[in-house]
Amino acid sequence: MDHPLHIPCPHCDALNRLPAARLAEGPRCGQCRQPLFFGAPVEVDAERFARHLTRSDLPLLVDVWASWCGPCRAMAPEFTAAARLLEPRVRLLKISTEEAPDLAQRFGIRSIPTLLLLHRGREVARSSGVMPARRIAAWAEEVLAAA
């Protein structure tokens, strides 16, 4: 039996229940009717991050960055490209250390950009430094396959 996955909407944060077999069928939010996946990372603040972390059955790949960080700006298009490679199996989120310093402190972020791979509320892996999109996707898939 295909158990439904709980997936917060990237637009309105409403919780959607969706059979895993339907992930690739272009599902839409039951509340706002927007696509649940659109091939780009979702920028979140601390409150929205908490909703996705505690309510999503999908693994979360989080880019912790800052606007003043040159390497972060260089990795931004690579992270966006990785979203197109990983969705709908993984939700990609972006957290600014300037807007959510408490999250950076909570996760012990010492350098940026840092990628956090989280699943079911816990950290599975992390990597710091700039990576190309294919390496980001391969790293996330390797870690998740081993978890």
C-alpha atoms as a PDB file:
ATOM      1  CA  MET A   1       0.000   0.000   0.000  1.00  0.00           C
ATOM      2  CA  ASP A   2       1.269   3.464  -0.914  1.00  0.00           C
ATOM      3  CA  HIS A   3       1.267   5.503   2.299  1.00  0.00           C
ATOM      4  CA  PRO A   4       0.676   9.214   1.743  1.00  0.00           C
ATOM      5  CA  LEU A   5       3.508  11.658   2.252  1.00  0.00           C
ATOM      6  CA  HIS A   6       2.986  14.908   4.132  1.00  0.00           C
ATOM      7  CA  ILE A   7       4.306  17.800   2.054  1.00  0.00           C
ATOM      8  CA  PRO A   8       4.065  21.458   3.103  1.00  0.00           C
ATOM      9  CA  CYS A   9       3.233  23.769   0.229  1.00  0.00           C
ATOM     10  CA  PRO A  10       6.204  25.958  -0.772  1.00  0.00           C
ATOM     11  CA  HIS A  11       3.809  28.884  -1.316  1.00  0.00           C
ATOM     12  CA  CYS A  12       1.246  28.858   1.539  1.00  0.00           C
ATOM     13  CA  ASP A  13       2.758  26.171   3.851  1.00  0.00           C
ATOM     14  CA  ALA A  14      -0.539  24.215   3.918  1.00  0.00           C
ATOM     15  CA  LEU A  15       0.065  20.543   4.644  1.00  0.00           C
ATOM     16  CA  ASN A  16      -0.751  18.271   1.700  1.00  0.00           C
ATOM     17  CA  ARG A  17      -1.109  14.482   1.758  1.00  0.00           C
ATOM     18  CA  LEU A  18       0.072  12.829  -1.420  1.00  0.00           C
ATOM     19  CA  PRO A  19       0.793   9.197  -2.343  1.00  0.00           C
ATOM     20  CA  ALA A  20       4.503   8.809  -3.104  1.00  0.00           C
ATOM     21  CA  ALA A  21       3.611   7.342  -6.510  1.00  0.00           C
ATOM     22  CA  ARG A  22       2.060  10.712  -7.497  1.00  0.00           C
ATOM     23  CA  LEU A  23       5.090  12.891  -6.702  1.00  0.00           C
ATOM     24  CA  ALA A  24       6.186  13.115 -10.338  1.00  0.00           C
ATOM     25  CA  GLU A  25       2.673  13.919 -11.655  1.00  0.00           C
ATOM     26  CA  GLY A  26       2.918  17.680 -11.085  1.00  0.00           C
ATOM     27  CA  PRO A  27       0.849  17.811  -7.872  1.00  0.00           C
ATOM     28  CA  ARG A  28      -0.738  21.067  -6.709  1.00  0.00           C
ATOM     29  CA  CYS A  29      -1.519  22.349  -3.246  1.00  0.00           C
ATOM     30  CA  GLY A  30      -5.026  21.514  -2.091  1.00  0.00           C
ATOM     31  CA  GLN A  31      -5.372  24.971  -0.525  1.00  0.00           C
ATOM     32  CA  CYS A  32      -3.731  27.540  -2.850  1.00  0.00           C
ATOM     33  CA  ARG A  33      -3.653  25.390  -6.031  1.00  0.00           C
ATOM     34  CA  GLN A  34      -0.002  26.329  -6.729  1.00  0.00           C
ATOM     35  CA  PRO A  35       2.469  23.606  -7.820  1.00  0.00           C
ATOM     36  CA  LEU A  36       4.050  21.714  -4.930  1.00  0.00           C
ATOM     37  CA  PHE A  37       7.275  21.496  -6.973  1.00  0.00           C
ATOM     38  CA  PHE A  38       8.531  24.135  -9.388  1.00  0.00           C
ATOM     39  CA  GLY A  39      12.231  23.415  -9.900  1.00  0.00           C
ATOM     40  CA  ALA A  40      13.606  26.094  -7.571  1.00  0.00           C
ATOM     41  CA  PRO A  41      14.618  26.382  -3.919  1.00  0.00           C
ATOM     42  CA  VAL A  42      12.173  27.892  -1.446  1.00  0.00           C
ATOM     43  CA  GLU A  43      13.455  30.856   0.567  1.00  0.00           C
ATOM     44  CA  VAL A  44      12.257  30.500   4.148  1.00  0.00           C
ATOM     45  CA  ASP A  45      12.502  32.396   7.404  1.00  0.00           C
ATOM     46  CA  ALA A  46      12.825  30.686  10.797  1.00  0.00           C
ATOM     47  CA  GLU A  47       9.071  30.191  11.196  1.00  0.00           C
ATOM     48  CA  ARG A  48       8.545  28.671   7.738  1.00  0.00           C
ATOM     49  CA  PHE A  49      11.657  26.540   8.152  1.00  0.00           C
ATOM     50  CA  ALA A  50      10.234  25.079  11.375  1.00  0.00           C
ATOM     51  CA  ARG A  51       7.000  24.166   9.585  1.00  0.00           C
ATOM     52  CA  HIS A  52       8.838  22.353   6.806  1.00  0.00           C
ATOM     53  CA  LEU A  53      11.256  20.653   9.201  1.00  0.00           C
ATOM     54  CA  THR A  54       8.575  19.300  11.524  1.00  0.00           C
ATOM     55  CA  ARG A  55       5.833  18.532   8.990  1.00  0.00           C
ATOM     56  CA  SER A  56       7.523  17.293   5.809  1.00  0.00           C
ATOM     57  CA  ASP A  57       8.084  13.631   5.015  1.00  0.00           C
ATOM     58  CA  LEU A  58      10.490  14.667   2.254  1.00  0.00           C
ATOM     59  CA  PRO A  59      14.195  15.124   2.950  1.00  0.00           C
ATOM     60  CA  LEU A  60      15.183  18.802   3.086  1.00  0.00           C
ATOM     61  CA  LEU A  61      18.360  20.117   1.497  1.00  0.00           C
ATOM     62  CA  VAL A  62      19.071  23.527   3.003  1.00  0.00           C
ATOM     63  CA  ASP A  63      21.471  26.135   1.647  1.00  0.00           C
ATOM     64  CA  VAL A  64      22.650  28.368   4.514  1.00  0.00           C
ATOM     65  CA  TRP A  65      23.936  31.578   2.935  1.00  0.00           C
ATOM     66  CA  ALA A  66      24.318  35.367   3.246  1.00  0.00           C
ATOM     67  CA  SER A  67      23.923  38.160   0.703  1.00  0.00           C
ATOM     68  CA  TRP A  68      27.418  39.576   1.397  1.00  0.00           C
ATOM     69  CA  CYS A  69      29.088  36.188   0.751  1.00  0.00           C
ATOM     70  CA  GLY A  70      30.695  35.922  -2.708  1.00  0.00           C
ATOM     71  CA  PRO A  71      30.895  32.107  -2.703  1.00  0.00           C
ATOM     72  CA  CYS A  72      27.224  31.982  -1.634  1.00  0.00           C
ATOM     73  CA  ARG A  73      26.232  34.144  -4.593  1.00  0.00           C
ATOM     74  CA  ALA A  74      28.352  31.946  -6.880  1.00  0.00           C
ATOM     75  CA  MET A  75      26.613  28.801  -5.636  1.00  0.00           C
ATOM     76  CA  ALA A  76      23.062  30.195  -5.857  1.00  0.00           C
ATOM     77  CA  PRO A  77      22.496  29.255  -9.537  1.00  0.00           C
ATOM     78  CA  GLU A  78      24.036  25.819  -8.897  1.00  0.00           C
ATOM     79  CA  PHE A  79      21.641  25.233  -5.993  1.00  0.00           C
ATOM     80  CA  THR A  80      18.727  26.268  -8.213  1.00  0.00           C
ATOM     81  CA  ALA A  81      19.902  23.834 -10.891  1.00  0.00           C
ATOM     82  CA  ALA A  82      20.177  21.111  -8.226  1.00  0.00           C
ATOM     83  CA  ALA A  83      16.501  21.699  -7.380  1.00  0.00           C
ATOM     84  CA  ARG A  84      15.596  20.719 -10.935  1.00  0.00           C
ATOM     85  CA  LEU A  85      17.650  17.527 -10.518  1.00  0.00           C
ATOM     86  CA  LEU A  86      16.373  16.533  -7.062  1.00  0.00           C
ATOM     87  CA  GLU A  87      12.706  17.530  -7.000  1.00  0.00           C
ATOM     88  CA  PRO A  88      10.279  15.994  -6.198  1.00  0.00           C
ATOM     89  CA  ARG A  89      12.305  13.518  -4.114  1.00  0.00           C
ATOM     90  CA  VAL A  90      13.910  16.290  -2.023  1.00  0.00           C
ATOM     91  CA  ARG A  91      12.688  19.791  -1.046  1.00  0.00           C
ATOM     92  CA  LEU A  92      15.379  22.484  -1.379  1.00  0.00           C
ATOM     93  CA  LEU A  93      15.274  25.426   1.023  1.00  0.00           C
ATOM     94  CA  LYS A  94      17.399  28.564   1.405  1.00  0.00           C
ATOM     95  CA  ILE A  95      18.046  30.207   4.775  1.00  0.00           C
ATOM     96  CA  SER A  96      19.784  33.567   5.067  1.00  0.00           C
ATOM     97  CA  THR A  97      22.046  33.901   8.098  1.00  0.00           C
ATOM     98  CA  GLU A  98      21.233  37.618   8.064  1.00  0.00           C
ATOM     99  CA  GLU A  99      17.492  37.002   8.392  1.00  0.00           C
ATOM    100  CA  ALA A 100      17.662  33.916  10.619  1.00  0.00           C
ATOM    101  CA  PRO A 101      20.835  34.138  12.737  1.00  0.00           C
ATOM    102  CA  ASP A 102      19.221  31.943  15.391  1.00  0.00           C
ATOM    103  CA  LEU A 103      19.034  29.051  12.908  1.00  0.00           C
ATOM    104  CA  ALA A 104      22.685  29.466  11.963  1.00  0.00           C
ATOM    105  CA  GLN A 105      23.563  29.344  15.653  1.00  0.00           C
ATOM    106  CA  ARG A 106      21.244  26.388  16.327  1.00  0.00           C
ATOM    107  CA  PHE A 107      22.951  24.327  13.611  1.00  0.00           C
ATOM    108  CA  GLY A 108      26.462  25.504  14.516  1.00  0.00           C
ATOM    109  CA  ILE A 109      27.150  27.038  11.114  1.00  0.00           C
ATOM    110  CA  ARG A 110      30.785  28.152  11.075  1.00  0.00           C
ATOM    111  CA  SER A 111      31.248  28.861   7.363  1.00  0.00           C
ATOM    112  CA  ILE A 112      29.019  29.601   4.426  1.00  0.00           C
ATOM    113  CA  PRO A 113      27.777  28.418   2.102  1.00  0.00           C
ATOM    114  CA  THR A 114      26.844  25.301   4.045  1.00  0.00           C
ATOM    115  CA  LEU A 115      24.434  22.631   2.880  1.00  0.00           C
ATOM    116  CA  LEU A 116      22.409  20.784   5.508  1.00  0.00           C
ATOM    117  CA  LEU A 117      20.613  17.575   4.613  1.00  0.00           C
ATOM    118  CA  LEU A 118      17.756  17.007   7.054  1.00  0.00           C
ATOM    119  CA  HIS A 119      15.171  14.247   7.236  1.00  0.00           C
ATOM    120  CA  ARG A 120      12.304  13.813   9.665  1.00  0.00           C
ATOM    121  CA  GLY A 121      13.583  16.624  11.863  1.00  0.00           C
ATOM    122  CA  ARG A 122      17.201  15.531  12.220  1.00  0.00           C
ATOM    123  CA  GLU A 123      20.432  16.411  10.469  1.00  0.00           C
ATOM    124  CA  VAL A 124      21.672  13.598   8.240  1.00  0.00           C
ATOM    125  CA  ALA A 125      24.739  15.304   6.726  1.00  0.00           C
ATOM    126  CA  ARG A 126      26.376  18.652   5.968  1.00  0.00           C
ATOM    127  CA  SER A 127      28.877  20.029   3.511  1.00  0.00           C
ATOM    128  CA  SER A 128      30.527  23.441   3.319  1.00  0.00           C
ATOM    129  CA  GLY A 129      31.830  25.227   0.265  1.00  0.00           C
ATOM    130  CA  VAL A 130      30.745  25.779  -3.304  1.00  0.00           C
ATOM    131  CA  MET A 131      29.669  22.767  -5.360  1.00  0.00           C
ATOM    132  CA  PRO A 132      28.319  22.437  -8.889  1.00  0.00           C
ATOM    133  CA  ALA A 133      24.697  21.332  -9.294  1.00  0.00           C
ATOM    134  CA  ARG A 134      25.447  17.753 -10.316  1.00  0.00           C
ATOM    135  CA  ARG A 135      27.761  17.294  -7.332  1.00  0.00           C
ATOM    136  CA  ILE A 136      25.128  18.739  -4.969  1.00  0.00           C
ATOM    137  CA  ALA A 137      22.545  16.295  -6.329  1.00  0.00           C
ATOM    138  CA  ALA A 138      24.946  13.319  -6.261  1.00  0.00           C
ATOM    139  CA  TRP A 139      26.028  14.114  -2.687  1.00  0.00           C
ATOM    140  CA  ALA A 140      22.416  14.362  -1.463  1.00  0.00           C
ATOM    141  CA  GLU A 141      21.385  11.148  -3.243  1.00  0.00           C
ATOM    142  CA  GLU A 142      24.425   9.230  -1.924  1.00  0.00           C
ATOM    143  CA  VAL A 143      23.761  10.312   1.657  1.00  0.00           C
ATOM    144  CA  LEU A 144      20.049   9.530   1.458  1.00  0.00           C
ATOM    145  CA  ALA A 145      20.680   6.114  -0.099  1.00  0.00           C
ATOM    146  CA  ALA A 146      23.021   5.241   2.778  1.00  0.00           C
ATOM    147  CA  ALA A 147      20.695   6.586   5.500  1.00  0.00           C
END
